[in-house]
Amino acid sequence: MILLVEDEKLLRWSLRQRLEKSGHAVADADNLAAATEQHPAAGARDIMLLRPVAPDGNGLDFYEANAERLEDTWCW
């Protein structure tokens, strides 16, 4: 499962379509708060695609703050 965090609606939609076309299961969020709600509540994520700068924070800060619960998740 891939969790895609992207605030630009069209880009998020486009990336999701391409990932799903490649056979991946994808959940998406438009900000880090929504990503926090989706991980791990909806099940373990294998990959998180984060923006370095999101509307409600910094993706790298988000990763560092959640590193323990994201230890089995690849983040980009």
PDB file of N, CA and C in Angstrom:
ATOM      1  N   MET A   1       0.844  -1.182   0.000  1.00  0.00           N
ATOM      2  CA  MET A   1       0.000   0.000   0.000  1.00  0.00           C
ATOM      3  C   MET A   1       0.885   1.240   0.000  1.00  0.00           C
ATOM      4  N   ILE A   2       0.529   2.193  -0.811  1.00  0.00           N
ATOM      5  CA  ILE A   2       1.231   3.474  -0.895  1.00  0.00           C
ATOM      6  C   ILE A   2       0.320   4.557  -0.347  1.00  0.00           C
ATOM      7  N   LEU A   3       0.868   5.389   0.536  1.00  0.00           N
ATOM      8  CA  LEU A   3       0.144   6.572   0.993  1.00  0.00           C
ATOM      9  C   LEU A   3       0.777   7.776   0.318  1.00  0.00           C
ATOM     10  N   LEU A   4       0.014   8.457  -0.487  1.00  0.00           N
ATOM     11  CA  LEU A   4       0.459   9.614  -1.258  1.00  0.00           C
ATOM     12  C   LEU A   4      -0.027  10.889  -0.577  1.00  0.00           C
ATOM     13  N   VAL A   5       0.901  11.758  -0.195  1.00  0.00           N
ATOM     14  CA  VAL A   5       0.544  13.023   0.456  1.00  0.00           C
ATOM     15  C   VAL A   5       0.902  14.160  -0.493  1.00  0.00           C
ATOM     16  N   GLU A   6      -0.113  14.797  -1.038  1.00  0.00           N
ATOM     17  CA  GLU A   6       0.066  15.873  -2.032  1.00  0.00           C
ATOM     18  C   GLU A   6      -1.105  16.831  -1.908  1.00  0.00           C
ATOM     19  N   ASP A   7      -0.821  18.122  -1.737  1.00  0.00           N
ATOM     20  CA  ASP A   7      -1.901  19.091  -1.559  1.00  0.00           C
ATOM     21  C   ASP A   7      -2.506  19.568  -2.873  1.00  0.00           C
ATOM     22  N   GLU A   8      -1.795  19.461  -3.970  1.00  0.00           N
ATOM     23  CA  GLU A   8      -2.341  19.883  -5.260  1.00  0.00           C
ATOM     24  C   GLU A   8      -3.239  18.771  -5.802  1.00  0.00           C
ATOM     25  N   LYS A   9      -4.530  19.067  -5.864  1.00  0.00           N
ATOM     26  CA  LYS A   9      -5.545  18.065  -6.199  1.00  0.00           C
ATOM     27  C   LYS A   9      -5.283  17.360  -7.530  1.00  0.00           C
ATOM     28  N   LEU A  10      -4.990  18.113  -8.568  1.00  0.00           N
ATOM     29  CA  LEU A  10      -4.779  17.514  -9.882  1.00  0.00           C
ATOM     30  C   LEU A  10      -3.528  16.632  -9.903  1.00  0.00           C
ATOM     31  N   LEU A  11      -2.456  17.088  -9.287  1.00  0.00           N
ATOM     32  CA  LEU A  11      -1.232  16.293  -9.225  1.00  0.00           C
ATOM     33  C   LEU A  11      -1.463  15.024  -8.410  1.00  0.00           C
ATOM     34  N   ARG A  12      -2.167  15.139  -7.276  1.00  0.00           N
ATOM     35  CA  ARG A  12      -2.479  13.974  -6.446  1.00  0.00           C
ATOM     36  C   ARG A  12      -3.303  12.968  -7.233  1.00  0.00           C
ATOM     37  N   TRP A  13      -4.305  13.444  -7.961  1.00  0.00           N
ATOM     38  CA  TRP A  13      -5.141  12.569  -8.774  1.00  0.00           C
ATOM     39  C   TRP A  13      -4.307  11.874  -9.854  1.00  0.00           C
ATOM     40  N   SER A  14      -3.470  12.644 -10.541  1.00  0.00           N
ATOM     41  CA  SER A  14      -2.646  12.096 -11.614  1.00  0.00           C
ATOM     42  C   SER A  14      -1.668  11.026 -11.101  1.00  0.00           C
ATOM     43  N   LEU A  15      -0.984  11.338 -10.002  1.00  0.00           N
ATOM     44  CA  LEU A  15      -0.052  10.364  -9.429  1.00  0.00           C
ATOM     45  C   LEU A  15      -0.773   9.103  -8.979  1.00  0.00           C
ATOM     46  N   ARG A  16      -1.928   9.286  -8.359  1.00  0.00           N
ATOM     47  CA  ARG A  16      -2.702   8.122  -7.916  1.00  0.00           C
ATOM     48  C   ARG A  16      -3.101   7.245  -9.100  1.00  0.00           C
ATOM     49  N   GLN A  17      -3.570   7.879 -10.180  1.00  0.00           N
ATOM     50  CA  GLN A  17      -3.972   7.124 -11.367  1.00  0.00           C
ATOM     51  C   GLN A  17      -2.808   6.313 -11.934  1.00  0.00           C
ATOM     52  N   ARG A  18      -1.633   6.940 -12.018  1.00  0.00           N
ATOM     53  CA  ARG A  18      -0.457   6.256 -12.576  1.00  0.00           C
ATOM     54  C   ARG A  18      -0.003   5.112 -11.682  1.00  0.00           C
ATOM     55  N   LEU A  19      -0.028   5.321 -10.376  1.00  0.00           N
ATOM     56  CA  LEU A  19       0.375   4.262  -9.450  1.00  0.00           C
ATOM     57  C   LEU A  19      -0.607   3.095  -9.483  1.00  0.00           C
ATOM     58  N   GLU A  20      -1.903   3.402  -9.514  1.00  0.00           N
ATOM     59  CA  GLU A  20      -2.909   2.347  -9.572  1.00  0.00           C
ATOM     60  C   GLU A  20      -2.841   1.591 -10.895  1.00  0.00           C
ATOM     61  N   LYS A  21      -2.567   2.303 -11.978  1.00  0.00           N
ATOM     62  CA  LYS A  21      -2.421   1.659 -13.291  1.00  0.00           C
ATOM     63  C   LYS A  21      -1.247   0.679 -13.292  1.00  0.00           C
ATOM     64  N   SER A  22      -0.255   0.973 -12.451  1.00  0.00           N
ATOM     65  CA  SER A  22       0.920   0.097 -12.336  1.00  0.00           C
ATOM     66  C   SER A  22       0.673  -1.054 -11.365  1.00  0.00           C
ATOM     67  N   GLY A  23      -0.532  -1.130 -10.820  1.00  0.00           N
ATOM     68  CA  GLY A  23      -0.898  -2.254  -9.970  1.00  0.00           C
ATOM     69  C   GLY A  23      -0.750  -2.032  -8.474  1.00  0.00           C
ATOM     70  N   HIS A  24      -0.520  -0.794  -8.053  1.00  0.00           N
ATOM     71  CA  HIS A  24      -0.343  -0.502  -6.632  1.00  0.00           C
ATOM     72  C   HIS A  24      -1.668  -0.112  -5.989  1.00  0.00           C
ATOM     73  N   ALA A  25      -1.829  -0.490  -4.742  1.00  0.00           N
ATOM     74  CA  ALA A  25      -2.953  -0.001  -3.934  1.00  0.00           C
ATOM     75  C   ALA A  25      -2.517   1.338  -3.364  1.00  0.00           C
ATOM     76  N   VAL A  26      -3.372   2.354  -3.498  1.00  0.00           N
ATOM     77  CA  VAL A  26      -2.989   3.714  -3.112  1.00  0.00           C
ATOM     78  C   VAL A  26      -4.075   4.346  -2.245  1.00  0.00           C
ATOM     79  N   ALA A  27      -3.641   4.969  -1.164  1.00  0.00           N
ATOM     80  CA  ALA A  27      -4.490   5.854  -0.375  1.00  0.00           C
ATOM     81  C   ALA A  27      -3.865   7.230  -0.512  1.00  0.00           C
ATOM     82  N   ASP A  28      -4.671   8.280  -0.440  1.00  0.00           N
ATOM     83  CA  ASP A  28      -4.081   9.609  -0.567  1.00  0.00           C
ATOM     84  C   ASP A  28      -4.588  10.544   0.518  1.00  0.00           C
ATOM     85  N   ALA A  29      -3.800  11.589   0.730  1.00  0.00           N
ATOM     86  CA  ALA A  29      -4.121  12.615   1.710  1.00  0.00           C
ATOM     87  C   ALA A  29      -3.665  13.952   1.142  1.00  0.00           C
ATOM     88  N   ASP A  30      -4.392  15.010   1.487  1.00  0.00           N
ATOM     89  CA  ASP A  30      -4.022  16.321   0.959  1.00  0.00           C
ATOM     90  C   ASP A  30      -3.154  17.131   1.911  1.00  0.00           C
ATOM     91  N   ASN A  31      -2.901  16.592   3.111  1.00  0.00           N
ATOM     92  CA  ASN A  31      -2.021  17.280   4.054  1.00  0.00           C
ATOM     93  C   ASN A  31      -1.477  16.281   5.074  1.00  0.00           C
ATOM     94  N   LEU A  32      -0.582  16.738   5.925  1.00  0.00           N
ATOM     95  CA  LEU A  32       0.067  15.845   6.883  1.00  0.00           C
ATOM     96  C   LEU A  32      -0.889  15.400   7.990  1.00  0.00           C
ATOM     97  N   ALA A  33      -1.848  16.248   8.347  1.00  0.00           N
ATOM     98  CA  ALA A  33      -2.832  15.856   9.358  1.00  0.00           C
ATOM     99  C   ALA A  33      -3.658  14.665   8.858  1.00  0.00           C
ATOM    100  N   ALA A  34      -4.087  14.727   7.615  1.00  0.00           N
ATOM    101  CA  ALA A  34      -4.846  13.608   7.041  1.00  0.00           C
ATOM    102  C   ALA A  34      -3.968  12.369   6.920  1.00  0.00           C
ATOM    103  N   ALA A  35      -2.689  12.547   6.599  1.00  0.00           N
ATOM    104  CA  ALA A  35      -1.755  11.418   6.520  1.00  0.00           C
ATOM    105  C   ALA A  35      -1.606  10.766   7.885  1.00  0.00           C
ATOM    106  N   THR A  36      -1.553  11.579   8.941  1.00  0.00           N
ATOM    107  CA  THR A  36      -1.442  11.055  10.296  1.00  0.00           C
ATOM    108  C   THR A  36      -2.651  10.195  10.637  1.00  0.00           C
ATOM    109  N   GLU A  37      -3.825  10.637  10.219  1.00  0.00           N
ATOM    110  CA  GLU A  37      -5.049   9.874  10.464  1.00  0.00           C
ATOM    111  C   GLU A  37      -5.050   8.561   9.700  1.00  0.00           C
ATOM    112  N   GLN A  38      -4.489   8.555   8.498  1.00  0.00           N
ATOM    113  CA  GLN A  38      -4.514   7.359   7.663  1.00  0.00           C
ATOM    114  C   GLN A  38      -3.424   6.353   8.003  1.00  0.00           C
ATOM    115  N   HIS A  39      -2.409   6.753   8.726  1.00  0.00           N
ATOM    116  CA  HIS A  39      -1.314   5.829   9.031  1.00  0.00           C
ATOM    117  C   HIS A  39      -1.176   5.702  10.526  1.00  0.00           C
ATOM    118  N   PRO A  40      -1.291   4.555  11.150  1.00  0.00           N
ATOM    119  CA  PRO A  40      -1.533   3.244  10.569  1.00  0.00           C
ATOM    120  C   PRO A  40      -2.986   2.798  10.661  1.00  0.00           C
ATOM    121  N   ALA A  41      -3.915   3.720  10.928  1.00  0.00           N
ATOM    122  CA  ALA A  41      -5.312   3.342  11.173  1.00  0.00           C
ATOM    123  C   ALA A  41      -5.911   2.470  10.070  1.00  0.00           C
ATOM    124  N   ALA A  42      -5.576   2.747   8.823  1.00  0.00           N
ATOM    125  CA  ALA A  42      -6.156   1.993   7.722  1.00  0.00           C
ATOM    126  C   ALA A  42      -5.288   0.802   7.330  1.00  0.00           C
ATOM    127  N   GLY A  43      -4.314   0.449   8.144  1.00  0.00           N
ATOM    128  CA  GLY A  43      -3.426  -0.667   7.834  1.00  0.00           C
ATOM    129  C   GLY A  43      -2.037  -0.172   7.520  1.00  0.00           C
ATOM    130  N   ALA A  44      -1.101  -1.073   7.572  1.00  0.00           N
ATOM    131  CA  ALA A  44       0.300  -0.701   7.362  1.00  0.00           C
ATOM    132  C   ALA A  44       0.525  -0.191   5.943  1.00  0.00           C
ATOM    133  N   ARG A  45       1.364   0.814   5.842  1.00  0.00           N
ATOM    134  CA  ARG A  45       1.742   1.365   4.543  1.00  0.00           C
ATOM    135  C   ARG A  45       3.157   0.905   4.241  1.00  0.00           C
ATOM    136  N   ASP A  46       3.367   0.499   3.022  1.00  0.00           N
ATOM    137  CA  ASP A  46       4.703   0.091   2.609  1.00  0.00           C
ATOM    138  C   ASP A  46       5.536   1.300   2.215  1.00  0.00           C
ATOM    139  N   ILE A  47       4.863   2.268   1.598  1.00  0.00           N
ATOM    140  CA  ILE A  47       5.555   3.448   1.085  1.00  0.00           C
ATOM    141  C   ILE A  47       4.702   4.685   1.367  1.00  0.00           C
ATOM    142  N   MET A  48       5.358   5.769   1.770  1.00  0.00           N
ATOM    143  CA  MET A  48       4.698   7.068   1.869  1.00  0.00           C
ATOM    144  C   MET A  48       5.429   8.019   0.941  1.00  0.00           C
ATOM    145  N   LEU A  49       4.702   8.698   0.093  1.00  0.00           N
ATOM    146  CA  LEU A  49       5.269   9.735  -0.769  1.00  0.00           C
ATOM    147  C   LEU A  49       4.876  11.071  -0.163  1.00  0.00           C
ATOM    148  N   LEU A  50       5.870  11.787   0.358  1.00  0.00           N
ATOM    149  CA  LEU A  50       5.640  13.046   1.059  1.00  0.00           C
ATOM    150  C   LEU A  50       6.253  14.209   0.314  1.00  0.00           C
ATOM    151  N   ARG A  51       5.597  15.350   0.368  1.00  0.00           N
ATOM    152  CA  ARG A  51       6.193  16.590  -0.136  1.00  0.00           C
ATOM    153  C   ARG A  51       7.140  17.122   0.928  1.00  0.00           C
ATOM    154  N   PRO A  52       8.268  17.685   0.517  1.00  0.00           N
ATOM    155  CA  PRO A  52       9.152  18.296   1.513  1.00  0.00           C
ATOM    156  C   PRO A  52       8.449  19.433   2.258  1.00  0.00           C
ATOM    157  N   VAL A  53       7.600  20.183   1.551  1.00  0.00           N
ATOM    158  CA  VAL A  53       6.855  21.266   2.180  1.00  0.00           C
ATOM    159  C   VAL A  53       5.370  21.050   1.877  1.00  0.00           C
ATOM    160  N   ALA A  54       4.604  20.803   2.933  1.00  0.00           N
ATOM    161  CA  ALA A  54       3.160  20.626   2.809  1.00  0.00           C
ATOM    162  C   ALA A  54       2.484  21.853   3.406  1.00  0.00           C
ATOM    163  N   PRO A  55       1.196  22.064   3.126  1.00  0.00           N
ATOM    164  CA  PRO A  55       0.525  23.252   3.638  1.00  0.00           C
ATOM    165  C   PRO A  55       0.509  23.326   5.169  1.00  0.00           C
ATOM    166  N   ASP A  56       0.538  22.186   5.817  1.00  0.00           N
ATOM    167  CA  ASP A  56       0.457  22.193   7.282  1.00  0.00           C
ATOM    168  C   ASP A  56       1.739  21.704   7.957  1.00  0.00           C
ATOM    169  N   GLY A  57       2.866  21.778   7.252  1.00  0.00           N
ATOM    170  CA  GLY A  57       4.134  21.385   7.872  1.00  0.00           C
ATOM    171  C   GLY A  57       5.161  20.920   6.868  1.00  0.00           C
ATOM    172  N   ASN A  58       6.243  20.420   7.401  1.00  0.00           N
ATOM    173  CA  ASN A  58       7.360  19.952   6.595  1.00  0.00           C
ATOM    174  C   ASN A  58       7.354  18.429   6.583  1.00  0.00           C
ATOM    175  N   GLY A  59       7.419  17.834   5.402  1.00  0.00           N
ATOM    176  CA  GLY A  59       7.397  16.379   5.273  1.00  0.00           C
ATOM    177  C   GLY A  59       8.533  15.693   6.014  1.00  0.00           C
ATOM    178  N   LEU A  60       9.719  16.294   6.019  1.00  0.00           N
ATOM    179  CA  LEU A  60      10.851  15.707   6.722  1.00  0.00           C
ATOM    180  C   LEU A  60      10.640  15.765   8.237  1.00  0.00           C
ATOM    181  N   ASP A  61      10.092  16.868   8.719  1.00  0.00           N
ATOM    182  CA  ASP A  61       9.773  16.968  10.144  1.00  0.00           C
ATOM    183  C   ASP A  61       8.708  15.937  10.527  1.00  0.00           C
ATOM    184  N   PHE A  62       7.724  15.761   9.658  1.00  0.00           N
ATOM    185  CA  PHE A  62       6.679  14.762   9.884  1.00  0.00           C
ATOM    186  C   PHE A  62       7.296  13.376  10.008  1.00  0.00           C
ATOM    187  N   TYR A  63       8.205  13.065   9.096  1.00  0.00           N
ATOM    188  CA  TYR A  63       8.850  11.749   9.135  1.00  0.00           C
ATOM    189  C   TYR A  63       9.635  11.571  10.433  1.00  0.00           C
ATOM    190  N   GLU A  64      10.428  12.564  10.796  1.00  0.00           N
ATOM    191  CA  GLU A  64      11.234  12.463  12.017  1.00  0.00           C
ATOM    192  C   GLU A  64      10.348  12.323  13.258  1.00  0.00           C
ATOM    193  N   ALA A  65       9.249  13.055  13.310  1.00  0.00           N
ATOM    194  CA  ALA A  65       8.352  12.995  14.462  1.00  0.00           C
ATOM    195  C   ALA A  65       7.638  11.651  14.565  1.00  0.00           C
ATOM    196  N   ASN A  66       7.500  10.960  13.436  1.00  0.00           N
ATOM    197  CA  ASN A  66       6.779   9.692  13.405  1.00  0.00           C
ATOM    198  C   ASN A  66       7.684   8.518  13.047  1.00  0.00           C
ATOM    199  N   ALA A  67       8.984   8.701  13.166  1.00  0.00           N
ATOM    200  CA  ALA A  67       9.957   7.694  12.715  1.00  0.00           C
ATOM    201  C   ALA A  67       9.724   6.327  13.351  1.00  0.00           C
ATOM    202  N   GLU A  68       9.364   6.295  14.617  1.00  0.00           N
ATOM    203  CA  GLU A  68       9.185   5.007  15.288  1.00  0.00           C
ATOM    204  C   GLU A  68       8.041   4.209  14.677  1.00  0.00           C
ATOM    205  N   ARG A  69       6.908   4.852  14.454  1.00  0.00           N
ATOM    206  CA  ARG A  69       5.786   4.099  13.877  1.00  0.00           C
ATOM    207  C   ARG A  69       5.902   3.937  12.364  1.00  0.00           C
ATOM    208  N   LEU A  70       6.851   4.647  11.742  1.00  0.00           N
ATOM    209  CA  LEU A  70       7.081   4.508  10.305  1.00  0.00           C
ATOM    210  C   LEU A  70       8.313   3.659   9.996  1.00  0.00           C
ATOM    211  N   GLU A  71       8.854   2.964  11.011  1.00  0.00           N
ATOM    212  CA  GLU A  71      10.116   2.260  10.819  1.00  0.00           C
ATOM    213  C   GLU A  71      10.058   1.203   9.721  1.00  0.00           C
ATOM    214  N   ASP A  72       8.911   0.636   9.434  1.00  0.00           N
ATOM    215  CA  ASP A  72       8.797  -0.350   8.370  1.00  0.00           C
ATOM    216  C   ASP A  72       8.260   0.250   7.071  1.00  0.00           C
ATOM    217  N   THR A  73       8.241   1.562   6.987  1.00  0.00           N
ATOM    218  CA  THR A  73       7.679   2.255   5.834  1.00  0.00           C
ATOM    219  C   THR A  73       8.776   3.034   5.116  1.00  0.00           C
ATOM    220  N   TRP A  74       8.863   2.893   3.811  1.00  0.00           N
ATOM    221  CA  TRP A  74       9.778   3.698   3.008  1.00  0.00           C
ATOM    222  C   TRP A  74       9.123   5.039   2.766  1.00  0.00           C
ATOM    223  N   CYS A  75       9.839   6.117   3.009  1.00  0.00           N
ATOM    224  CA  CYS A  75       9.302   7.461   2.782  1.00  0.00           C
ATOM    225  C   CYS A  75      10.141   8.203   1.763  1.00  0.00           C
ATOM    226  N   TRP A  76       9.451   8.829   0.804  1.00  0.00           N
ATOM    227  CA  TRP A  76      10.113   9.672  -0.198  1.00  0.00           C
ATOM    228  C   TRP A  76       9.414  10.986  -0.239  1.00  0.00           C
TER     229      TRP A  76
END
